[in-house]
Amino acid sequence: MTARGGVYLAGGVIANIAPAFNAERFRAAFCAKSLFSAQMMRIPVKLVRSERLALLGAARLAASL
């Protein structure tokens, strides 16, 4: 099973390194998986910068109840 919906990089560490984050370099390393490279290239990778991510998730869950 793979992360077909995507990989989301979020949280405090990502928020702190976001200014220095090199998306092209990360993507190249993420996809450099030898036999799995073609599969990895189909997986979207997103950098989440929202400081309210946990609050937004909780609100969405509450709205669905």
N, C-alpha and C. Protein backbone atom coordinates (compact mmCIF):
# COMPACT_ATOMS: atom_id res chain seq x y z
N MET A 1 0.83 -1.17 0.00
CA MET A 1 0.00 0.00 0.00
C MET A 1 0.89 1.25 0.00
N THR A 2 0.46 2.27 -0.72
CA THR A 2 1.23 3.50 -0.79
C THR A 2 0.38 4.70 -0.43
N ALA A 3 1.02 5.81 -0.27
CA ALA A 3 0.34 7.07 0.06
C ALA A 3 -0.11 7.73 -1.23
N ARG A 4 -1.12 7.20 -1.87
CA ARG A 4 -1.58 7.72 -3.15
C ARG A 4 -2.18 9.11 -3.04
N GLY A 5 -2.75 9.42 -1.89
CA GLY A 5 -3.34 10.74 -1.70
C GLY A 5 -2.30 11.82 -1.48
N GLY A 6 -1.10 11.43 -1.15
CA GLY A 6 -0.02 12.38 -0.98
C GLY A 6 0.65 12.29 0.37
N VAL A 7 1.79 12.91 0.46
CA VAL A 7 2.54 13.02 1.70
C VAL A 7 2.52 14.50 2.08
N TYR A 8 2.08 14.79 3.30
CA TYR A 8 1.98 16.17 3.77
C TYR A 8 3.00 16.39 4.87
N LEU A 9 3.92 17.32 4.65
CA LEU A 9 4.93 17.65 5.64
C LEU A 9 4.39 18.81 6.46
N ALA A 10 4.19 18.57 7.75
CA ALA A 10 3.58 19.58 8.61
C ALA A 10 4.17 19.49 10.01
N GLY A 11 3.88 20.49 10.81
CA GLY A 11 4.31 20.47 12.20
C GLY A 11 5.35 21.53 12.51
N GLY A 12 5.78 21.55 13.75
CA GLY A 12 6.69 22.57 14.23
C GLY A 12 8.04 22.58 13.54
N VAL A 13 8.60 21.41 13.30
CA VAL A 13 9.91 21.36 12.65
C VAL A 13 9.82 21.92 11.24
N ILE A 14 8.81 21.52 10.50
CA ILE A 14 8.64 22.02 9.14
C ILE A 14 8.42 23.53 9.14
N ALA A 15 7.65 24.03 10.09
CA ALA A 15 7.40 25.48 10.18
C ALA A 15 8.72 26.22 10.39
N ASN A 16 9.62 25.65 11.18
CA ASN A 16 10.90 26.32 11.46
C ASN A 16 11.86 26.25 10.30
N ILE A 17 11.81 25.18 9.50
CA ILE A 17 12.76 25.07 8.39
C ILE A 17 12.17 25.52 7.05
N ALA A 18 10.91 25.90 7.03
CA ALA A 18 10.24 26.28 5.78
C ALA A 18 11.01 27.30 4.95
N PRO A 19 11.59 28.34 5.56
CA PRO A 19 12.31 29.32 4.74
C PRO A 19 13.52 28.71 4.01
N ALA A 20 14.12 27.67 4.57
CA ALA A 20 15.30 27.06 3.95
C ALA A 20 14.96 25.78 3.19
N PHE A 21 13.69 25.40 3.17
CA PHE A 21 13.26 24.15 2.54
C PHE A 21 13.41 24.26 1.03
N ASN A 22 14.13 23.32 0.45
CA ASN A 22 14.33 23.30 -0.99
C ASN A 22 13.45 22.19 -1.57
N ALA A 23 12.32 22.55 -2.13
CA ALA A 23 11.34 21.59 -2.62
C ALA A 23 11.90 20.70 -3.73
N GLU A 24 12.68 21.27 -4.64
CA GLU A 24 13.24 20.49 -5.74
C GLU A 24 14.22 19.44 -5.23
N ARG A 25 15.06 19.83 -4.30
CA ARG A 25 16.04 18.89 -3.73
C ARG A 25 15.33 17.79 -2.93
N PHE A 26 14.31 18.16 -2.15
CA PHE A 26 13.56 17.17 -1.39
C PHE A 26 12.88 16.19 -2.34
N ARG A 27 12.25 16.72 -3.38
CA ARG A 27 11.54 15.87 -4.34
C ARG A 27 12.49 14.89 -5.02
N ALA A 28 13.68 15.35 -5.39
CA ALA A 28 14.67 14.49 -6.04
C ALA A 28 15.07 13.35 -5.10
N ALA A 29 15.31 13.67 -3.83
CA ALA A 29 15.69 12.63 -2.86
C ALA A 29 14.51 11.70 -2.58
N PHE A 30 13.31 12.25 -2.50
CA PHE A 30 12.11 11.46 -2.24
C PHE A 30 11.88 10.42 -3.34
N CYS A 31 12.16 10.81 -4.58
CA CYS A 31 11.90 9.93 -5.73
C CYS A 31 13.07 9.01 -6.07
N ALA A 32 14.24 9.25 -5.51
CA ALA A 32 15.43 8.45 -5.82
C ALA A 32 15.41 7.15 -5.01
N LYS A 33 14.51 6.27 -5.37
CA LYS A 33 14.33 5.02 -4.62
C LYS A 33 14.51 3.81 -5.52
N SER A 34 15.43 3.88 -6.45
CA SER A 34 15.81 2.77 -7.29
C SER A 34 14.60 2.09 -7.93
N LEU A 35 14.24 0.93 -7.51
CA LEU A 35 13.15 0.18 -8.13
C LEU A 35 11.79 0.85 -7.96
N PHE A 36 11.66 1.71 -6.96
CA PHE A 36 10.37 2.34 -6.66
C PHE A 36 10.28 3.78 -7.16
N SER A 37 11.27 4.25 -7.90
CA SER A 37 11.29 5.65 -8.34
C SER A 37 10.03 6.05 -9.11
N ALA A 38 9.61 5.23 -10.05
CA ALA A 38 8.43 5.56 -10.85
C ALA A 38 7.20 5.67 -9.96
N GLN A 39 7.08 4.79 -9.00
CA GLN A 39 5.95 4.82 -8.07
C GLN A 39 6.01 6.06 -7.18
N MET A 40 7.18 6.41 -6.70
CA MET A 40 7.35 7.57 -5.82
C MET A 40 7.05 8.87 -6.57
N MET A 41 7.34 8.92 -7.85
CA MET A 41 7.11 10.14 -8.63
C MET A 41 5.62 10.42 -8.80
N ARG A 42 4.77 9.42 -8.60
CA ARG A 42 3.32 9.63 -8.71
C ARG A 42 2.70 10.13 -7.41
N ILE A 43 3.47 10.16 -6.33
CA ILE A 43 2.94 10.58 -5.03
C ILE A 43 3.18 12.07 -4.84
N PRO A 44 2.12 12.86 -4.68
CA PRO A 44 2.30 14.29 -4.44
C PRO A 44 2.86 14.55 -3.04
N VAL A 45 3.72 15.54 -2.93
CA VAL A 45 4.29 15.94 -1.65
C VAL A 45 3.95 17.41 -1.44
N LYS A 46 3.38 17.72 -0.27
CA LYS A 46 2.96 19.09 0.03
C LYS A 46 3.59 19.56 1.33
N LEU A 47 3.99 20.81 1.36
CA LEU A 47 4.50 21.45 2.56
C LEU A 47 3.35 22.27 3.14
N VAL A 48 2.93 21.93 4.36
CA VAL A 48 1.80 22.61 5.01
C VAL A 48 2.36 23.66 5.95
N ARG A 49 2.01 24.91 5.71
CA ARG A 49 2.55 26.01 6.51
C ARG A 49 1.55 26.58 7.51
N SER A 50 0.35 26.06 7.54
CA SER A 50 -0.68 26.59 8.43
C SER A 50 -0.34 26.31 9.89
N GLU A 51 -0.40 27.35 10.70
CA GLU A 51 -0.18 27.19 12.14
C GLU A 51 -1.46 26.73 12.83
N ARG A 52 -2.56 26.72 12.09
CA ARG A 52 -3.86 26.33 12.66
C ARG A 52 -4.30 24.95 12.18
N LEU A 53 -3.38 24.14 11.73
CA LEU A 53 -3.72 22.85 11.14
C LEU A 53 -4.50 21.96 12.10
N ALA A 54 -4.05 21.84 13.34
CA ALA A 54 -4.75 20.99 14.32
C ALA A 54 -6.15 21.52 14.59
N LEU A 55 -6.29 22.84 14.69
CA LEU A 55 -7.60 23.45 14.93
C LEU A 55 -8.53 23.21 13.75
N LEU A 56 -8.03 23.35 12.54
CA LEU A 56 -8.85 23.12 11.36
C LEU A 56 -9.29 21.66 11.27
N GLY A 57 -8.41 20.73 11.60
CA GLY A 57 -8.76 19.32 11.60
C GLY A 57 -9.82 19.00 12.65
N ALA A 58 -9.67 19.57 13.83
CA ALA A 58 -10.65 19.34 14.89
C ALA A 58 -12.01 19.92 14.50
N ALA A 59 -12.01 21.08 13.88
CA ALA A 59 -13.27 21.70 13.45
C ALA A 59 -13.96 20.86 12.38
N ARG A 60 -13.18 20.31 11.48
CA ARG A 60 -13.77 19.47 10.43
C ARG A 60 -14.36 18.20 11.03
N LEU A 61 -13.65 17.60 11.98
CA LEU A 61 -14.17 16.41 12.64
C LEU A 61 -15.44 16.73 13.39
N ALA A 62 -15.46 17.84 14.12
CA ALA A 62 -16.64 18.23 14.89
C ALA A 62 -17.84 18.48 13.97
N ALA A 63 -17.58 19.06 12.81
CA ALA A 63 -18.65 19.35 11.86
C ALA A 63 -19.24 18.06 11.26
N SER A 64 -18.45 17.00 11.23
CA SER A 64 -18.92 15.76 10.63
C SER A 64 -19.69 14.88 11.61
N LEU A 65 -19.71 15.23 12.89
CA LEU A 65 -20.40 14.43 13.89
C LEU A 65 -21.88 14.72 13.96
